Amino acid sequence: MKTRLSRGLGTLFAFFVLAGCATPPGAGNTSESGVPQSTKLTQAGSFGPQAFGSAPASDATAQGSSLADAKPLTDEGSGISDFHQTGRASWYGRGFHGRRTANGERYDMHALTAAHRTLPLGSYVRVTNPATSRSVVVRINDRGPYARGRVIDLSMAAASALNMRHAGTARVQIEGLTQQEARDARNEMLASNSDSTAQK
């Protein structure tokens, strides 16, 4: 009888320990309003489906529909045109899709957004992958990354645009944009996507 009871308690204890390990770090960090202060970095190497049971989005979906659904640029955001940074980028996706970001909106892995430790929330940056010469304009809406040696954490759509989803990380150059520069870049990307869709 004692053996069964101790096994049962041991199993229950192990379950709670494992359940605690499955919770992303900082998931309990909430502000007084109950909104999580930020999402955290998905572990490097976990690039497959992570949650919610949905199939991976195609590259076309990740690159195209997010622009059409993007929030309009306003003059309320910060212009950070003098900002330049080089470092390693990572990305986060399905495991955080739908969770609150640092600015209070829900993380959308199909939108062109990113997490940065210090840039003003709502600001726009151009991220370039020098290895492929591809670049994408993203809006900073979250805080992170929290992994050592990384400077920006991109959405899945932005990682796809830079052709770095499979690798998981890439060395990038980050360039701050004024609101007008961001608006022009978004319009150019929308026009480019419209042209490629019309040719198919």
C-alpha atoms as a PDB file:
ATOM      1  CA  MET A   1       0.000   0.000   0.000  1.00  0.00           C
ATOM      2  CA  LYS A   2       2.817   2.390   0.926  1.00  0.00           C
ATOM      3  CA  THR A   3       4.607   1.523  -2.322  1.00  0.00           C
ATOM      4  CA  ARG A   4       1.548   2.430  -4.421  1.00  0.00           C
ATOM      5  CA  LEU A   5       1.063   5.661  -2.541  1.00  0.00           C
ATOM      6  CA  SER A   6       4.720   6.668  -2.900  1.00  0.00           C
ATOM      7  CA  ARG A   7       4.694   5.753  -6.624  1.00  0.00           C
ATOM      8  CA  GLY A   8       1.520   7.762  -7.121  1.00  0.00           C
ATOM      9  CA  LEU A   9       2.995  10.784  -5.316  1.00  0.00           C
ATOM     10  CA  GLY A  10       6.248  10.407  -7.270  1.00  0.00           C
ATOM     11  CA  THR A  11       4.374  10.307 -10.564  1.00  0.00           C
ATOM     12  CA  LEU A  12       2.303  13.342  -9.600  1.00  0.00           C
ATOM     13  CA  PHE A  13       5.439  15.240  -8.566  1.00  0.00           C
ATOM     14  CA  ALA A  14       7.176  14.358 -11.851  1.00  0.00           C
ATOM     15  CA  PHE A  15       4.104  15.525 -13.800  1.00  0.00           C
ATOM     16  CA  PHE A  16       4.139  18.942 -12.108  1.00  0.00           C
ATOM     17  CA  VAL A  17       7.884  19.334 -12.622  1.00  0.00           C
ATOM     18  CA  LEU A  18       7.570  18.525 -16.336  1.00  0.00           C
ATOM     19  CA  ALA A  19       4.534  20.772 -16.712  1.00  0.00           C
ATOM     20  CA  GLY A  20       6.520  23.615 -15.172  1.00  0.00           C
ATOM     21  CA  CYS A  21       9.360  23.010 -17.626  1.00  0.00           C
ATOM     22  CA  ALA A  22       6.933  23.165 -20.558  1.00  0.00           C
ATOM     23  CA  THR A  23       5.871  26.705 -19.672  1.00  0.00           C
ATOM     24  CA  PRO A  24       7.856  29.294 -21.664  1.00  0.00           C
ATOM     25  CA  PRO A  25      10.164  31.368 -19.463  1.00  0.00           C
ATOM     26  CA  GLY A  26       8.496  34.523 -18.234  1.00  0.00           C
ATOM     27  CA  ALA A  27       4.984  33.366 -19.154  1.00  0.00           C
ATOM     28  CA  GLY A  28       3.865  34.484 -15.699  1.00  0.00           C
ATOM     29  CA  ASN A  29       5.384  37.964 -16.016  1.00  0.00           C
ATOM     30  CA  THR A  30       2.305  40.111 -16.265  1.00  0.00           C
ATOM     31  CA  SER A  31       1.680  43.759 -15.678  1.00  0.00           C
ATOM     32  CA  GLU A  32      -0.905  45.037 -13.204  1.00  0.00           C
ATOM     33  CA  SER A  33      -3.486  45.043 -15.983  1.00  0.00           C
ATOM     34  CA  GLY A  34      -2.917  41.310 -16.482  1.00  0.00           C
ATOM     35  CA  VAL A  35      -1.196  41.756 -19.861  1.00  0.00           C
ATOM     36  CA  PRO A  36       2.074  39.824 -20.213  1.00  0.00           C
ATOM     37  CA  GLN A  37       5.017  42.197 -20.462  1.00  0.00           C
ATOM     38  CA  SER A  38       6.533  40.302 -23.362  1.00  0.00           C
ATOM     39  CA  THR A  39       6.748  37.021 -25.127  1.00  0.00           C
ATOM     40  CA  LYS A  40       9.989  35.088 -24.962  1.00  0.00           C
ATOM     41  CA  LEU A  41      12.266  33.543 -27.521  1.00  0.00           C
ATOM     42  CA  THR A  42      11.370  30.131 -28.831  1.00  0.00           C
ATOM     43  CA  GLN A  43      14.204  27.691 -28.254  1.00  0.00           C
ATOM     44  CA  ALA A  44      16.604  27.599 -31.193  1.00  0.00           C
ATOM     45  CA  GLY A  45      16.155  24.387 -33.098  1.00  0.00           C
ATOM     46  CA  SER A  46      12.401  24.096 -32.545  1.00  0.00           C
ATOM     47  CA  PHE A  47      11.461  25.229 -36.014  1.00  0.00           C
ATOM     48  CA  GLY A  48       8.612  22.801 -36.686  1.00  0.00           C
ATOM     49  CA  PRO A  49       4.989  23.208 -35.645  1.00  0.00           C
ATOM     50  CA  GLN A  50       5.039  24.219 -31.992  1.00  0.00           C
ATOM     51  CA  ALA A  51       1.428  24.619 -30.968  1.00  0.00           C
ATOM     52  CA  PHE A  52      -2.164  25.224 -32.004  1.00  0.00           C
ATOM     53  CA  GLY A  53      -2.121  22.218 -34.378  1.00  0.00           C
ATOM     54  CA  SER A  54      -2.212  24.263 -37.563  1.00  0.00           C
ATOM     55  CA  ALA A  55      -0.162  23.441 -40.629  1.00  0.00           C
ATOM     56  CA  PRO A  56       2.860  25.621 -41.400  1.00  0.00           C
ATOM     57  CA  ALA A  57       2.050  28.654 -43.502  1.00  0.00           C
ATOM     58  CA  SER A  58       3.374  28.704 -47.036  1.00  0.00           C
ATOM     59  CA  ASP A  59       6.020  31.271 -47.889  1.00  0.00           C
ATOM     60  CA  ALA A  60       3.513  33.091 -50.092  1.00  0.00           C
ATOM     61  CA  THR A  61       1.084  33.398 -47.205  1.00  0.00           C
ATOM     62  CA  ALA A  62       3.802  34.494 -44.824  1.00  0.00           C
ATOM     63  CA  GLN A  63       5.076  37.172 -47.201  1.00  0.00           C
ATOM     64  CA  GLY A  64       1.931  38.387 -48.952  1.00  0.00           C
ATOM     65  CA  SER A  65      -1.171  38.388 -46.781  1.00  0.00           C
ATOM     66  CA  SER A  66       0.585  40.002 -43.835  1.00  0.00           C
ATOM     67  CA  LEU A  67       1.252  43.138 -45.858  1.00  0.00           C
ATOM     68  CA  ALA A  68      -2.342  43.427 -46.977  1.00  0.00           C
ATOM     69  CA  ASP A  69      -3.448  43.100 -43.362  1.00  0.00           C
ATOM     70  CA  ALA A  70      -0.747  45.393 -41.982  1.00  0.00           C
ATOM     71  CA  LYS A  71      -1.827  48.299 -39.818  1.00  0.00           C
ATOM     72  CA  PRO A  72      -1.607  51.662 -41.602  1.00  0.00           C
ATOM     73  CA  LEU A  73       1.419  53.783 -40.818  1.00  0.00           C
ATOM     74  CA  THR A  74       0.661  56.891 -38.844  1.00  0.00           C
ATOM     75  CA  ASP A  75       2.806  59.789 -37.691  1.00  0.00           C
ATOM     76  CA  GLU A  76       2.401  58.687 -34.056  1.00  0.00           C
ATOM     77  CA  GLY A  77       5.323  56.217 -34.152  1.00  0.00           C
ATOM     78  CA  SER A  78       8.887  57.175 -33.399  1.00  0.00           C
ATOM     79  CA  GLY A  79      11.314  58.017 -36.179  1.00  0.00           C
ATOM     80  CA  ILE A  80      14.659  56.333 -35.476  1.00  0.00           C
ATOM     81  CA  SER A  81      16.496  57.042 -38.712  1.00  0.00           C
ATOM     82  CA  ASP A  82      19.901  57.384 -36.991  1.00  0.00           C
ATOM     83  CA  PHE A  83      19.777  53.847 -35.534  1.00  0.00           C
ATOM     84  CA  HIS A  84      22.120  51.190 -37.003  1.00  0.00           C
ATOM     85  CA  GLN A  85      22.985  47.799 -35.550  1.00  0.00           C
ATOM     86  CA  THR A  86      24.587  44.593 -36.767  1.00  0.00           C
ATOM     87  CA  GLY A  87      24.158  41.245 -35.061  1.00  0.00           C
ATOM     88  CA  ARG A  88      22.439  37.885 -35.060  1.00  0.00           C
ATOM     89  CA  ALA A  89      18.685  37.658 -35.626  1.00  0.00           C
ATOM     90  CA  SER A  90      16.411  34.810 -34.602  1.00  0.00           C
ATOM     91  CA  TRP A  91      12.682  34.281 -35.043  1.00  0.00           C
ATOM     92  CA  TYR A  92       9.667  33.102 -33.076  1.00  0.00           C
ATOM     93  CA  GLY A  93       6.497  31.604 -34.448  1.00  0.00           C
ATOM     94  CA  ARG A  94       3.708  29.178 -33.717  1.00  0.00           C
ATOM     95  CA  GLY A  95       4.490  28.700 -30.019  1.00  0.00           C
ATOM     96  CA  PHE A  96       3.723  32.379 -29.361  1.00  0.00           C
ATOM     97  CA  HIS A  97       1.029  33.011 -31.991  1.00  0.00           C
ATOM     98  CA  GLY A  98      -1.904  34.800 -30.345  1.00  0.00           C
ATOM     99  CA  ARG A  99      -0.074  35.721 -27.140  1.00  0.00           C
ATOM    100  CA  ARG A 100       0.170  39.313 -25.968  1.00  0.00           C
ATOM    101  CA  THR A 101       3.235  41.276 -27.003  1.00  0.00           C
ATOM    102  CA  ALA A 102       4.913  44.050 -25.023  1.00  0.00           C
ATOM    103  CA  ASN A 103       2.712  46.723 -26.610  1.00  0.00           C
ATOM    104  CA  GLY A 104      -0.472  44.811 -25.705  1.00  0.00           C
ATOM    105  CA  GLU A 105      -1.471  43.530 -29.130  1.00  0.00           C
ATOM    106  CA  ARG A 106      -1.576  39.844 -29.983  1.00  0.00           C
ATOM    107  CA  TYR A 107       1.457  38.345 -31.672  1.00  0.00           C
ATOM    108  CA  ASP A 108       0.714  37.392 -35.290  1.00  0.00           C
ATOM    109  CA  MET A 109       3.412  35.198 -36.803  1.00  0.00           C
ATOM    110  CA  HIS A 110       2.167  36.177 -40.295  1.00  0.00           C
ATOM    111  CA  ALA A 111       2.672  39.923 -39.708  1.00  0.00           C
ATOM    112  CA  LEU A 112       5.943  41.724 -40.336  1.00  0.00           C
ATOM    113  CA  THR A 113       6.895  42.500 -36.733  1.00  0.00           C
ATOM    114  CA  ALA A 114       9.866  42.027 -34.429  1.00  0.00           C
ATOM    115  CA  ALA A 115      11.046  42.132 -30.835  1.00  0.00           C
ATOM    116  CA  HIS A 116      13.950  44.359 -29.805  1.00  0.00           C
ATOM    117  CA  ARG A 117      15.326  45.148 -26.363  1.00  0.00           C
ATOM    118  CA  THR A 118      15.511  48.945 -26.603  1.00  0.00           C
ATOM    119  CA  LEU A 119      13.923  50.381 -29.748  1.00  0.00           C
ATOM    120  CA  PRO A 120      10.663  52.289 -29.190  1.00  0.00           C
ATOM    121  CA  LEU A 121       7.546  50.158 -29.571  1.00  0.00           C
ATOM    122  CA  GLY A 122       5.799  51.155 -32.795  1.00  0.00           C
ATOM    123  CA  SER A 123       8.997  52.134 -34.585  1.00  0.00           C
ATOM    124  CA  TYR A 124       9.999  50.649 -37.938  1.00  0.00           C
ATOM    125  CA  VAL A 125      13.321  49.186 -39.033  1.00  0.00           C
ATOM    126  CA  ARG A 126      14.704  47.668 -42.202  1.00  0.00           C
ATOM    127  CA  VAL A 127      16.394  44.328 -41.513  1.00  0.00           C
ATOM    128  CA  THR A 128      18.811  43.090 -44.182  1.00  0.00           C
ATOM    129  CA  ASN A 129      20.390  39.654 -44.526  1.00  0.00           C
ATOM    130  CA  PRO A 130      23.760  40.428 -46.190  1.00  0.00           C
ATOM    131  CA  ALA A 131      24.247  36.773 -47.136  1.00  0.00           C
ATOM    132  CA  THR A 132      21.205  36.903 -49.439  1.00  0.00           C
ATOM    133  CA  SER A 133      20.838  40.685 -49.944  1.00  0.00           C
ATOM    134  CA  ARG A 134      17.177  40.320 -48.952  1.00  0.00           C
ATOM    135  CA  SER A 135      15.573  42.887 -46.675  1.00  0.00           C
ATOM    136  CA  VAL A 136      12.256  43.432 -44.937  1.00  0.00           C
ATOM    137  CA  VAL A 137      10.648  46.309 -43.038  1.00  0.00           C
ATOM    138  CA  VAL A 138       9.250  45.324 -39.644  1.00  0.00           C
ATOM    139  CA  ARG A 139       7.425  47.112 -36.855  1.00  0.00           C
ATOM    140  CA  ILE A 140       8.797  46.719 -33.322  1.00  0.00           C
ATOM    141  CA  ASN A 141       5.941  45.520 -31.129  1.00  0.00           C
ATOM    142  CA  ASP A 142       7.650  43.310 -28.548  1.00  0.00           C
ATOM    143  CA  ARG A 143      10.655  43.056 -26.238  1.00  0.00           C
ATOM    144  CA  GLY A 144      13.474  40.554 -26.668  1.00  0.00           C
ATOM    145  CA  PRO A 145      15.322  38.520 -27.735  1.00  0.00           C
ATOM    146  CA  TYR A 146      16.411  37.038 -24.424  1.00  0.00           C
ATOM    147  CA  ALA A 147      19.027  34.672 -25.852  1.00  0.00           C
ATOM    148  CA  ARG A 148      22.622  35.790 -25.504  1.00  0.00           C
ATOM    149  CA  GLY A 149      24.273  37.110 -28.666  1.00  0.00           C
ATOM    150  CA  ARG A 150      21.041  37.993 -30.500  1.00  0.00           C
ATOM    151  CA  VAL A 151      19.908  41.514 -31.309  1.00  0.00           C
ATOM    152  CA  ILE A 152      16.438  41.087 -32.840  1.00  0.00           C
ATOM    153  CA  ASP A 153      13.711  38.454 -32.770  1.00  0.00           C
ATOM    154  CA  LEU A 154      11.683  38.428 -36.006  1.00  0.00           C
ATOM    155  CA  SER A 155       8.213  37.125 -36.714  1.00  0.00           C
ATOM    156  CA  MET A 156       7.948  33.990 -38.845  1.00  0.00           C
ATOM    157  CA  ALA A 157       6.844  36.081 -41.849  1.00  0.00           C
ATOM    158  CA  ALA A 158       9.856  38.375 -41.542  1.00  0.00           C
ATOM    159  CA  ALA A 159      12.193  35.371 -41.196  1.00  0.00           C
ATOM    160  CA  SER A 160      10.673  33.913 -44.370  1.00  0.00           C
ATOM    161  CA  ALA A 161      11.170  37.192 -46.212  1.00  0.00           C
ATOM    162  CA  LEU A 162      14.862  37.100 -45.257  1.00  0.00           C
ATOM    163  CA  ASN A 163      15.146  33.422 -46.217  1.00  0.00           C
ATOM    164  CA  MET A 164      16.351  32.449 -42.729  1.00  0.00           C
ATOM    165  CA  ARG A 165      13.494  30.334 -41.398  1.00  0.00           C
ATOM    166  CA  HIS A 166      15.230  27.018 -41.966  1.00  0.00           C
ATOM    167  CA  ALA A 167      18.569  28.155 -40.514  1.00  0.00           C
ATOM    168  CA  GLY A 168      16.836  29.669 -37.483  1.00  0.00           C
ATOM    169  CA  THR A 169      19.295  32.538 -37.093  1.00  0.00           C
ATOM    170  CA  ALA A 170      21.237  34.815 -39.416  1.00  0.00           C
ATOM    171  CA  ARG A 171      23.598  37.756 -39.173  1.00  0.00           C
ATOM    172  CA  VAL A 172      21.655  40.887 -40.104  1.00  0.00           C
ATOM    173  CA  GLN A 173      21.963  44.638 -40.407  1.00  0.00           C
ATOM    174  CA  ILE A 174      19.258  46.776 -38.783  1.00  0.00           C
ATOM    175  CA  GLU A 175      18.552  50.279 -40.032  1.00  0.00           C
ATOM    176  CA  GLY A 176      16.109  52.634 -38.318  1.00  0.00           C
ATOM    177  CA  LEU A 177      13.513  54.335 -40.525  1.00  0.00           C
ATOM    178  CA  THR A 178      11.536  57.540 -40.354  1.00  0.00           C
ATOM    179  CA  GLN A 179       7.786  57.166 -40.631  1.00  0.00           C
ATOM    180  CA  GLN A 180       7.898  58.378 -44.245  1.00  0.00           C
ATOM    181  CA  GLU A 181      10.664  55.913 -45.157  1.00  0.00           C
ATOM    182  CA  ALA A 182       8.700  53.092 -43.570  1.00  0.00           C
ATOM    183  CA  ARG A 183       5.543  54.162 -45.411  1.00  0.00           C
ATOM    184  CA  ASP A 184       7.391  54.270 -48.758  1.00  0.00           C
ATOM    185  CA  ALA A 185       9.000  50.861 -48.136  1.00  0.00           C
ATOM    186  CA  ARG A 186       5.646  49.276 -47.247  1.00  0.00           C
ATOM    187  CA  ASN A 187       3.995  50.745 -50.357  1.00  0.00           C
ATOM    188  CA  GLU A 188       6.836  49.408 -52.507  1.00  0.00           C
ATOM    189  CA  MET A 189       6.497  45.933 -50.965  1.00  0.00           C
ATOM    190  CA  LEU A 190       2.719  45.956 -51.474  1.00  0.00           C
ATOM    191  CA  ALA A 191       3.165  46.958 -55.118  1.00  0.00           C
ATOM    192  CA  SER A 192       5.793  44.256 -55.615  1.00  0.00           C
ATOM    193  CA  ASN A 193       3.502  41.601 -54.098  1.00  0.00           C
ATOM    194  CA  SER A 194       0.588  42.774 -56.256  1.00  0.00           C
ATOM    195  CA  ASP A 195       2.719  42.527 -59.407  1.00  0.00           C
ATOM    196  CA  SER A 196       3.966  39.008 -58.565  1.00  0.00           C
ATOM    197  CA  THR A 197       0.385  37.854 -57.800  1.00  0.00           C
ATOM    198  CA  ALA A 198      -0.919  39.276 -61.111  1.00  0.00           C
ATOM    199  CA  GLN A 199       1.786  37.426 -63.076  1.00  0.00           C
ATOM    200  CA  LYS A 200       0.778  34.014 -61.663  1.00  0.00           C
END
